[in-house]
Amino acid sequence: QVHLVESGGGLVQAGGSLRLSCAASGIIFRFNVMGWYRQAPGKQRELVATITSDRFTNYADSVKGRFTISRENAKNTVYLQMNNLKPDDTAVYYCTQGAYWGQGTQVTVSS
């Protein structure tokens, strides 16, 4: 059974940084595309970033240059480094692998 467990969310002031982690189990992690999505209150869930097994990355325009997705296959973990955070980044952030989703971690950015 696949489990994705996010951590690292919290409250931060605008301009600050956070690093989210997602620990995966139940999959052959190194072969899989991993992704981060987010959902803000009253808005649809949106793609933030993805990373392939070959470490090719893709980002939403709204986070390019500020967020970095990476993976550590030895630890079955994917990360999202978020810098220069803005109040519009406030959302629940979800780790995904295919049809599987984690429970989400709250990120709140105060102005």
Foldseek 3Di string as FASTA:
>chain_A
DKAWAKDWADEEAAQAKIKMKIAIPDDQLLQFKKFKWWDDPPGDIGTAKIAGSVGDMDGDPVQPPFWDWDDDSVRNMIMIIGGRDDQVVFTWMWMDTVPDIHPTDTHGYHD
